[in-house]
Amino acid sequence: MATQEIQLQNDFITLGQLLKDVGAISTGGQAKWFLQETAVQVDGSPEDRRGRKLYPGMRVVIPDVGTIALVEGHHVS
């Protein structure tokens, strides 16, 4: 799978919100279960905290979704 770039509109995004944005889950409430059942990696390390803050430059690997590269976008004032 190819790497997908996601532009952050704020300083960070939580892992739970990223999972929703890429369609891995449909509601925020599913994040905890999804992370317990799925081997998600952040910068090469396993991660199961839905509140984990993700910043530009980080890479997230989500099985059946692919690799997500976070890039800086336009900040919302």
Protein backbone atom coordinates (compact mmCIF):
# COMPACT_ATOMS: atom_id res chain seq x y z
CA MET A 1 0.00 0.00 0.00
CA ALA A 2 1.18 3.50 -0.78
CA THR A 3 1.79 6.12 1.87
CA GLN A 4 -1.10 8.53 2.30
CA GLU A 5 -0.39 12.10 3.44
CA ILE A 6 -2.76 13.76 5.89
CA GLN A 7 -2.45 17.52 6.40
CA LEU A 8 -3.00 18.58 9.99
CA GLN A 9 -5.15 21.69 10.37
CA ASN A 10 -4.04 22.16 13.99
CA ASP A 11 -0.82 21.52 15.90
CA PHE A 12 -1.72 17.84 16.46
CA ILE A 13 -4.40 15.21 15.98
CA THR A 14 -5.23 12.37 18.35
CA LEU A 15 -4.85 8.80 17.20
CA GLY A 16 -8.58 8.22 17.72
CA GLN A 17 -9.48 11.16 15.48
CA LEU A 18 -7.02 10.01 12.82
CA LEU A 19 -8.63 6.56 12.81
CA LYS A 20 -12.00 8.23 12.15
CA ASP A 21 -10.60 10.54 9.47
CA VAL A 22 -9.10 7.67 7.45
CA GLY A 23 -12.22 5.51 7.78
CA ALA A 24 -10.73 2.79 9.98
CA ILE A 25 -13.57 3.36 12.48
CA SER A 26 -16.91 5.15 12.14
CA THR A 27 -17.28 6.55 15.67
CA GLY A 28 -14.86 7.73 18.33
CA GLY A 29 -16.24 5.15 20.73
CA GLN A 30 -14.84 2.37 18.55
CA ALA A 31 -11.26 3.63 18.91
CA LYS A 32 -10.48 1.87 22.20
CA TRP A 33 -11.72 -1.49 20.92
CA PHE A 34 -10.00 -1.04 17.54
CA LEU A 35 -6.65 -0.27 19.18
CA GLN A 36 -6.92 -3.32 21.47
CA GLU A 37 -7.63 -5.61 18.51
CA THR A 38 -5.37 -4.07 15.83
CA ALA A 39 -1.57 -3.70 15.72
CA VAL A 40 -1.33 0.05 15.01
CA GLN A 41 2.19 1.50 14.98
CA VAL A 42 3.33 5.10 15.47
CA ASP A 43 6.86 5.77 14.23
CA GLY A 44 7.58 2.03 14.31
CA SER A 45 6.35 1.39 17.87
CA PRO A 46 3.07 -0.29 18.87
CA GLU A 47 0.46 2.18 20.11
CA ASP A 48 -2.88 1.52 21.82
CA ARG A 49 -3.73 4.92 23.33
CA ARG A 50 -6.53 6.62 21.43
CA GLY A 51 -5.58 9.97 22.98
CA ARG A 52 -1.98 9.79 21.73
CA LYS A 53 -1.12 13.15 20.19
CA LEU A 54 0.29 12.90 16.69
CA TYR A 55 2.35 15.71 15.16
CA PRO A 56 3.62 16.58 11.67
CA GLY A 57 6.49 14.32 10.65
CA MET A 58 5.08 11.23 12.37
CA ARG A 59 4.15 8.06 10.48
CA VAL A 60 1.28 5.80 11.47
CA VAL A 61 0.80 2.27 10.14
CA ILE A 62 -2.77 0.97 10.29
CA PRO A 63 -3.36 -2.60 9.08
CA ASP A 64 -5.79 -2.78 6.11
CA VAL A 65 -5.51 1.03 5.72
CA GLY A 66 -1.81 1.58 5.07
CA THR A 67 0.86 4.04 6.12
CA ILE A 68 -0.19 7.57 7.01
CA ALA A 69 2.36 10.39 6.90
CA LEU A 70 1.30 13.45 8.88
CA VAL A 71 2.27 16.76 7.33
CA GLU A 72 1.78 20.33 8.45
CA GLY A 73 -1.24 22.02 6.93
CA HIS A 74 -2.79 25.44 7.25
CA HIS A 75 -3.52 26.36 10.85
CA VAL A 76 -7.07 27.32 11.77
CA SER A 77 -7.26 30.50 13.83
